[in-house]
Amino acid sequence: MKFSKLTLASLSVLTLALGFSSCSSDDSWDTTGDGKITFESSSRAFILNEGSMNKNNSNIYYFDWSSAEPKVGELYQTQNGRMLGDTGNDIITVGNEVVVAVNVSNYVALLDGYGVEQSRVSFENYKNLGQVRSVCYGGGYVYATSYGGYVSRLQVRGGKLTYVDSLRVGVRPEDVEVLDGKLYVTLQGKNYDDNRLATVASDFKTVSYTTVMQDPVHVTASDGLLYVNGYGASFNNPWGMVDPATGKYTELGHATALGFGKGTIYLANSVTDWNTYKTLTTLSAYNTATGTTDTAFFKNVPSAIATMSVYSISVNPFNGKIYMATSDYVSDGTIYVFNAQGSYETSFTAGGINPHAIVFLK
């Protein structure tokens, strides 16, 4: 699942195997760790806000996801005494630690479960790789795409992140996912005209390709299958499924944001008329077992969502709640919370512009 690009079971095994320090609800948990912020409980969620390109206003905010009325607070700058950088492009969990990729500032950082930075790899030291984009985790490595055409391996061990090596996979790789020991990378192409998903074998040497939509953006593994969404040749935001066994791509619909729960994919399609600058958003849920789409899944939806762009959808793996983040690209986004049955519960500020994703810790 995209929140960590691993199942919870896999995360638990890897956390034990690699000896990560834990800041969950076990004996090592306390309210502050080595940081300055006092957390009310171990149920923490971190919001990565991209900010605006070249404005150096990316940030990470936090909230207690077990609270009925979450209150957000600034995390990264408070804990580390400096700005996150420009532009925060991806965030994942690795056990009870967090990895964040910052595009223009061009680094990948490892944070502990309190948001304190432990280590970073600057891609400025590897100029030929280009600017870093997205990250995923598997088998002891963080995999990072970069616009120079590469996917890189970074090793996570003992609270330290180190660069290992890189493999060229195609032009303008965007997202990366791991499934059954293989990597899957979306390729956008020099002029956003590529229509392929690169598959990197477990030897981290062999690359093959699958045809998907033009200008693919995100790839996510869920229930043994791969789901891809992108802009498409006519910018109609297609999304679909790739069978990793056959490489066959099947288009399933149109959506600008996808969130992945257990057996369900939550969809938002935000379409903007650039003549009037008016946006219309529709919501639905896709059942992966039956292959059916429920357009009435979300209930008591606040009217504001219908005219806002849904920027991201994140699902809490601990309770199934759905966090839908909206953006107007200039002011702080809003997070709308729905329970696992699709009923609206509450909303709160994201604390920054363009909320990219939320990750959850316990």
Protein backbone atom coordinates (compact mmCIF):
# COMPACT_ATOMS: atom_id res chain seq x y z
CA MET A 1 0.00 0.00 0.00
CA LYS A 2 1.22 3.45 -0.81
CA PHE A 3 1.42 4.82 2.69
CA SER A 4 4.57 2.76 3.10
CA LYS A 5 4.63 0.74 -0.12
CA LEU A 6 4.73 -2.35 2.06
CA THR A 7 2.17 -4.31 3.97
CA LEU A 8 2.06 -3.86 7.72
CA ALA A 9 3.19 -7.43 8.22
CA SER A 10 6.25 -6.88 6.04
CA LEU A 11 7.08 -3.69 7.88
CA SER A 12 6.97 -5.45 11.21
CA VAL A 13 9.30 -8.21 10.03
CA LEU A 14 11.76 -5.78 8.49
CA THR A 15 11.74 -3.56 11.55
CA LEU A 16 12.69 -6.49 13.76
CA ALA A 17 15.23 -7.86 11.31
CA LEU A 18 17.07 -4.59 10.89
CA GLY A 19 16.96 -3.60 14.51
CA PHE A 20 15.29 -0.23 14.02
CA SER A 21 14.76 1.76 17.19
CA SER A 22 11.05 1.83 17.93
CA CYS A 23 8.98 4.76 19.07
CA SER A 24 5.63 3.01 19.12
CA SER A 25 3.48 1.99 22.04
CA ASP A 26 6.15 -0.37 23.40
CA ASP A 27 8.49 0.28 26.35
CA SER A 28 10.70 2.66 24.35
CA TRP A 29 7.87 5.10 23.63
CA ASP A 30 7.83 8.40 25.43
CA THR A 31 6.20 11.71 24.63
CA THR A 32 9.23 13.58 23.26
CA GLY A 33 12.01 11.20 22.19
CA ASP A 34 15.05 13.31 21.40
CA GLY A 35 12.95 16.17 20.08
CA LYS A 36 11.28 19.31 21.40
CA ILE A 37 7.65 18.45 20.70
CA THR A 38 5.47 16.74 23.30
CA PHE A 39 3.13 14.21 21.68
CA GLU A 40 -0.12 13.36 23.43
CA SER A 41 -0.01 9.72 22.32
CA SER A 42 1.95 7.32 20.14
CA SER A 43 -0.77 7.63 17.46
CA ARG A 44 1.02 10.14 15.26
CA ALA A 45 0.39 11.18 11.68
CA PHE A 46 2.76 13.31 9.61
CA ILE A 47 1.46 15.50 6.74
CA LEU A 48 3.92 16.34 3.97
CA ASN A 49 2.98 19.67 2.39
CA GLU A 50 4.77 20.30 -0.89
CA GLY A 51 4.42 24.06 -0.75
CA SER A 52 4.99 26.06 -3.95
CA MET A 53 7.81 25.39 -6.37
CA ASN A 54 10.93 27.48 -5.66
CA LYS A 55 9.32 29.14 -2.61
CA ASN A 56 11.14 27.03 0.01
CA ASN A 57 7.88 26.58 1.90
CA SER A 58 7.56 22.80 2.09
CA ASN A 59 6.86 21.52 5.59
CA ILE A 60 5.79 18.54 7.66
CA TYR A 61 2.96 18.94 10.17
CA TYR A 62 1.75 16.37 12.67
CA PHE A 63 -1.46 15.43 14.46
CA ASP A 64 -2.76 12.74 16.82
CA TRP A 65 -4.90 10.48 14.64
CA SER A 66 -6.59 8.91 17.68
CA SER A 67 -8.15 12.27 18.59
CA ALA A 68 -11.74 12.93 17.53
CA GLU A 69 -10.81 16.53 16.72
CA PRO A 70 -7.18 16.49 15.49
CA LYS A 71 -5.09 19.61 15.96
CA VAL A 72 -2.08 20.01 13.70
CA GLY A 73 1.30 21.38 14.71
CA GLU A 74 4.48 22.19 12.81
CA LEU A 75 6.93 19.30 13.05
CA TYR A 76 10.08 19.39 10.93
CA GLN A 77 11.31 22.93 11.53
CA THR A 78 10.58 22.73 15.27
CA GLN A 79 12.39 19.42 15.68
CA ASN A 80 15.37 20.24 13.45
CA GLY A 81 15.84 24.00 13.59
CA ARG A 82 15.72 24.47 9.82
CA MET A 83 13.27 24.47 6.93
CA LEU A 84 12.49 21.23 5.10
CA GLY A 85 13.44 22.77 1.74
CA ASP A 86 11.94 22.90 -1.73
CA THR A 87 9.89 20.89 -2.77
CA GLY A 88 8.75 18.04 -0.48
CA ASN A 89 7.80 15.42 -3.05
CA ASP A 90 7.27 12.10 -1.24
CA ILE A 91 7.01 10.58 2.23
CA ILE A 92 6.87 6.95 3.40
CA THR A 93 7.21 4.97 6.61
CA VAL A 94 9.96 2.44 7.25
CA GLY A 95 8.85 0.63 10.37
CA ASN A 96 8.50 3.44 12.89
CA GLU A 97 10.84 5.74 11.01
CA VAL A 98 10.01 8.07 8.14
CA VAL A 99 11.74 8.79 4.82
CA VAL A 100 11.09 12.01 2.92
CA ALA A 101 12.25 13.03 -0.58
CA VAL A 102 12.78 16.74 -1.30
CA ASN A 103 12.96 17.47 -5.01
CA VAL A 104 14.57 20.88 -5.72
CA SER A 105 16.73 20.79 -2.59
CA ASN A 106 17.60 17.33 -3.92
CA TYR A 107 17.96 15.04 -0.94
CA VAL A 108 16.40 12.06 0.80
CA ALA A 109 16.23 12.16 4.60
CA LEU A 110 15.60 9.58 7.31
CA LEU A 111 13.59 10.86 10.29
CA ASP A 112 12.85 9.08 13.53
CA GLY A 113 9.26 8.61 14.67
CA TYR A 114 9.29 12.00 16.35
CA GLY A 115 10.33 13.87 13.19
CA VAL A 116 13.97 14.35 14.17
CA GLU A 117 16.29 13.94 11.18
CA GLN A 118 18.77 11.10 11.66
CA SER A 119 20.55 11.08 8.32
CA ARG A 120 20.30 12.29 4.74
CA VAL A 121 21.70 11.56 1.30
CA SER A 122 22.21 14.61 -0.90
CA PHE A 123 21.75 13.88 -4.58
CA GLU A 124 23.80 17.01 -5.24
CA ASN A 125 26.77 14.72 -4.65
CA TYR A 126 25.63 12.62 -7.63
CA LYS A 127 24.90 15.28 -10.25
CA ASN A 128 24.37 12.86 -13.13
CA LEU A 129 21.37 11.32 -11.33
CA GLY A 130 19.26 14.48 -11.53
CA GLN A 131 16.74 15.72 -8.97
CA VAL A 132 15.16 13.15 -6.69
CA ARG A 133 11.43 12.49 -7.05
CA SER A 134 9.83 9.53 -5.27
CA VAL A 135 10.76 6.81 -2.81
CA CYS A 136 9.66 3.34 -1.73
CA TYR A 137 11.08 0.70 0.59
CA GLY A 138 11.80 -3.01 0.40
CA GLY A 139 14.35 -5.57 1.53
CA GLY A 140 16.44 -3.15 3.55
CA TYR A 141 16.71 -0.54 0.80
CA VAL A 142 15.04 2.77 0.13
CA TYR A 143 14.62 3.11 -3.63
CA ALA A 144 14.60 6.64 -5.04
CA THR A 145 13.82 7.83 -8.56
CA SER A 146 15.55 10.87 -10.00
CA TYR A 147 14.90 12.85 -13.17
CA GLY A 148 18.27 12.05 -14.72
CA GLY A 149 16.79 8.67 -15.61
CA TYR A 150 17.76 6.58 -12.61
CA VAL A 151 16.46 4.60 -9.68
CA SER A 152 18.91 4.45 -6.78
CA ARG A 153 19.37 2.16 -3.80
CA LEU A 154 19.89 3.71 -0.38
CA GLN A 155 20.58 1.44 2.56
CA VAL A 156 18.82 1.95 5.89
CA ARG A 157 20.72 0.61 8.88
CA GLY A 158 21.03 1.70 12.48
CA GLY A 159 19.39 5.08 11.94
CA LYS A 160 21.65 5.93 9.01
CA LEU A 161 20.84 6.33 5.32
CA THR A 162 23.67 5.67 2.84
CA TYR A 163 23.91 5.70 -0.95
CA VAL A 164 24.67 2.31 -2.53
CA ASP A 165 24.25 2.44 -6.32
CA SER A 166 21.99 3.42 -9.22
CA LEU A 167 20.47 1.90 -12.34
CA ARG A 168 19.32 3.73 -15.46
CA VAL A 169 15.71 2.82 -16.25
CA GLY A 170 14.47 5.39 -18.80
CA VAL A 171 13.72 9.06 -19.40
CA ARG A 172 12.17 11.08 -16.58
CA PRO A 173 11.23 8.36 -14.08
CA GLU A 174 8.61 9.59 -11.63
CA ASP A 175 7.26 7.05 -9.12
CA VAL A 176 8.64 3.74 -7.86
CA GLU A 177 7.04 0.73 -6.18
CA VAL A 178 8.29 -2.64 -4.96
CA LEU A 179 6.36 -5.91 -5.28
CA ASP A 180 7.67 -9.45 -4.85
CA GLY A 181 11.28 -8.33 -5.04
CA LYS A 182 10.85 -6.37 -8.29
CA LEU A 183 10.74 -2.61 -8.81
CA TYR A 184 8.17 -0.85 -10.96
CA VAL A 185 8.92 2.68 -12.20
CA THR A 186 6.66 5.07 -14.12
CA LEU A 187 8.38 6.77 -17.07
CA GLN A 188 7.06 10.13 -18.25
CA GLY A 189 9.52 10.77 -21.09
CA LYS A 190 11.36 13.92 -22.15
CA ASN A 191 8.21 15.52 -23.54
CA TYR A 192 5.81 13.61 -21.29
CA ASP A 193 5.21 11.27 -24.21
CA ASP A 194 6.38 7.97 -22.75
CA ASN A 195 3.77 5.32 -22.00
CA ARG A 196 5.76 2.69 -20.17
CA LEU A 197 6.19 1.14 -16.78
CA ALA A 198 9.75 -0.10 -16.23
CA THR A 199 10.23 -3.36 -14.35
CA VAL A 200 13.57 -3.89 -12.59
CA ALA A 201 14.35 -7.52 -11.77
CA SER A 202 15.49 -8.56 -8.30
CA ASP A 203 19.13 -8.56 -9.49
CA PHE A 204 18.89 -4.75 -9.86
CA LYS A 205 20.38 -5.11 -13.34
CA THR A 206 17.72 -6.29 -15.77
CA VAL A 207 15.03 -3.86 -16.98
CA SER A 208 11.92 -4.68 -19.03
CA TYR A 209 8.91 -2.57 -19.97
CA THR A 210 5.11 -2.68 -19.94
CA THR A 211 2.88 -0.34 -21.96
CA VAL A 212 0.40 1.70 -19.88
CA MET A 213 -1.17 5.13 -20.45
CA GLN A 214 0.82 8.07 -21.82
CA ASP A 215 2.56 10.16 -19.15
CA PRO A 216 2.10 7.77 -16.21
CA VAL A 217 2.67 9.31 -12.79
CA HIS A 218 1.94 7.06 -9.81
CA VAL A 219 2.29 3.31 -9.32
CA THR A 220 1.00 1.47 -6.24
CA ALA A 221 0.99 -2.19 -5.23
CA SER A 222 -2.13 -3.52 -3.54
CA ASP A 223 -3.32 -7.10 -3.01
CA GLY A 224 -0.66 -8.49 -5.33
CA LEU A 225 -1.53 -6.22 -8.25
CA LEU A 226 -0.20 -2.91 -9.53
CA TYR A 227 -2.28 0.18 -10.09
CA VAL A 228 -1.10 3.06 -12.26
CA ASN A 229 -2.55 6.50 -12.80
CA GLY A 230 -1.33 9.35 -14.97
CA TYR A 231 -2.27 12.29 -17.15
CA GLY A 232 -2.93 10.42 -20.39
CA ALA A 233 -2.51 11.63 -23.97
CA SER A 234 -5.54 13.92 -23.68
CA PHE A 235 -5.06 14.86 -20.01
CA ASN A 236 -8.12 12.90 -18.91
CA ASN A 237 -6.36 11.23 -15.96
CA PRO A 238 -6.74 7.52 -16.72
CA TRP A 239 -6.02 4.88 -14.11
CA GLY A 240 -5.80 1.14 -14.39
CA MET A 241 -4.40 -2.19 -13.26
CA VAL A 242 -1.26 -4.03 -14.31
CA ASP A 243 -1.06 -7.78 -13.78
CA PRO A 244 2.61 -8.32 -12.79
CA ALA A 245 2.44 -11.94 -13.97
CA THR A 246 1.51 -11.06 -17.56
CA GLY A 247 2.35 -7.37 -17.85
CA LYS A 248 -1.15 -6.70 -19.17
CA TYR A 249 -2.54 -3.22 -18.48
CA THR A 250 -6.30 -2.75 -18.11
CA GLU A 251 -7.74 0.76 -17.91
CA LEU A 252 -10.41 1.07 -15.22
CA GLY A 253 -11.51 4.70 -15.24
CA HIS A 254 -10.46 8.29 -14.66
CA ALA A 255 -9.15 9.78 -11.41
CA THR A 256 -6.76 12.49 -10.30
CA ALA A 257 -6.15 11.03 -6.82
CA LEU A 258 -6.23 7.47 -5.50
CA GLY A 259 -6.12 6.14 -1.93
CA PHE A 260 -5.63 2.48 -1.09
CA GLY A 261 -7.47 0.62 1.66
CA LYS A 262 -7.98 -3.08 2.27
CA GLY A 263 -9.79 -4.34 -0.82
CA THR A 264 -10.93 -0.85 -1.79
CA ILE A 265 -9.45 1.97 -3.85
CA TYR A 266 -10.82 5.42 -3.04
CA LEU A 267 -11.03 7.73 -6.04
CA ALA A 268 -11.34 11.45 -6.64
CA ASN A 269 -11.56 12.99 -10.09
CA SER A 270 -11.04 16.75 -10.02
CA VAL A 271 -11.59 18.36 -13.43
CA THR A 272 -10.83 22.06 -13.88
CA ASP A 273 -12.16 24.24 -16.69
CA TRP A 274 -9.15 26.48 -17.32
CA ASN A 275 -11.30 29.05 -19.10
CA THR A 276 -13.39 29.68 -16.00
CA TYR A 277 -10.98 28.21 -13.40
CA LYS A 278 -13.89 26.27 -11.95
CA THR A 279 -13.27 22.76 -10.62
CA LEU A 280 -15.73 19.89 -10.39
CA THR A 281 -14.79 16.90 -8.22
CA THR A 282 -16.52 13.52 -8.11
CA LEU A 283 -15.80 10.77 -5.56
CA SER A 284 -16.16 7.00 -5.73
CA ALA A 285 -14.80 3.71 -4.39
CA TYR A 286 -13.59 0.73 -6.41
CA ASN A 287 -13.98 -2.78 -4.97
CA THR A 288 -10.92 -4.77 -6.06
CA ALA A 289 -12.62 -8.15 -5.48
CA THR A 290 -15.73 -7.47 -7.55
CA GLY A 291 -14.33 -4.92 -9.98
CA THR A 292 -17.26 -2.59 -9.32
CA THR A 293 -17.32 1.14 -8.63
CA ASP A 294 -19.61 2.66 -5.99
CA THR A 295 -20.35 6.31 -6.72
CA ALA A 296 -22.39 6.64 -3.50
CA PHE A 297 -19.74 5.27 -1.12
CA PHE A 298 -18.87 8.65 0.42
CA LYS A 299 -21.69 10.05 2.56
CA ASN A 300 -22.47 13.51 3.96
CA VAL A 301 -19.67 14.92 1.82
CA PRO A 302 -19.00 18.60 2.60
CA SER A 303 -20.13 20.73 -0.34
CA ALA A 304 -16.72 22.44 -0.50
CA ILE A 305 -15.09 19.27 -1.84
CA ALA A 306 -17.20 19.37 -5.01
CA THR A 307 -15.52 22.59 -6.15
CA MET A 308 -12.00 21.99 -4.83
CA SER A 309 -9.12 19.95 -6.24
CA VAL A 310 -8.51 16.78 -4.22
CA TYR A 311 -4.72 16.75 -4.09
CA SER A 312 -4.20 13.43 -2.32
CA ILE A 313 -5.99 10.61 -0.52
CA SER A 314 -4.30 8.79 2.38
CA VAL A 315 -5.66 5.81 4.31
CA ASN A 316 -4.81 5.08 7.95
CA PRO A 317 -3.78 1.39 8.04
CA PHE A 318 -4.58 1.11 11.76
CA ASN A 319 -8.29 2.02 11.57
CA GLY A 320 -9.16 2.35 7.88
CA LYS A 321 -10.04 6.05 8.04
CA ILE A 322 -9.72 8.02 4.82
CA TYR A 323 -8.01 11.42 4.72
CA MET A 324 -8.90 13.48 1.67
CA ALA A 325 -6.69 16.55 1.16
CA THR A 326 -7.79 19.50 -0.98
CA SER A 327 -5.75 22.32 -2.47
CA ASP A 328 -6.24 25.64 -4.22
CA TYR A 329 -2.45 25.78 -4.84
CA VAL A 330 -1.97 29.11 -3.03
CA SER A 331 -3.25 28.67 0.54
CA ASP A 332 -3.13 25.99 3.22
CA GLY A 333 -4.95 22.81 2.23
CA THR A 334 -7.80 21.19 4.15
CA ILE A 335 -7.95 17.57 5.32
CA TYR A 336 -11.40 15.93 5.26
CA VAL A 337 -11.76 12.74 7.32
CA PHE A 338 -14.12 9.87 6.46
CA ASN A 339 -14.51 6.65 8.42
CA ALA A 340 -13.91 3.24 6.83
CA GLN A 341 -17.59 3.06 5.84
CA GLY A 342 -17.32 6.32 3.91
CA SER A 343 -19.15 8.65 6.31
CA TYR A 344 -17.74 12.13 6.79
CA GLU A 345 -16.45 12.86 10.31
CA THR A 346 -14.43 16.06 10.54
CA SER A 347 -11.98 18.41 8.82
CA PHE A 348 -8.90 20.41 9.78
CA THR A 349 -6.11 22.44 8.20
CA ALA A 350 -3.17 20.67 6.59
CA GLY A 351 -0.84 23.39 7.85
CA GLY A 352 0.63 24.04 4.42
CA ILE A 353 0.12 24.30 0.66
CA ASN A 354 -0.49 21.23 -1.51
CA PRO A 355 -0.73 18.34 0.98
CA HIS A 356 1.08 15.52 -0.80
CA ALA A 357 0.41 12.61 1.57
CA ILE A 358 -0.08 11.59 5.20
CA VAL A 359 1.81 8.75 6.89
CA PHE A 360 0.69 7.08 10.11
CA LEU A 361 2.67 5.74 13.08
CA LYS A 362 1.69 3.92 16.27
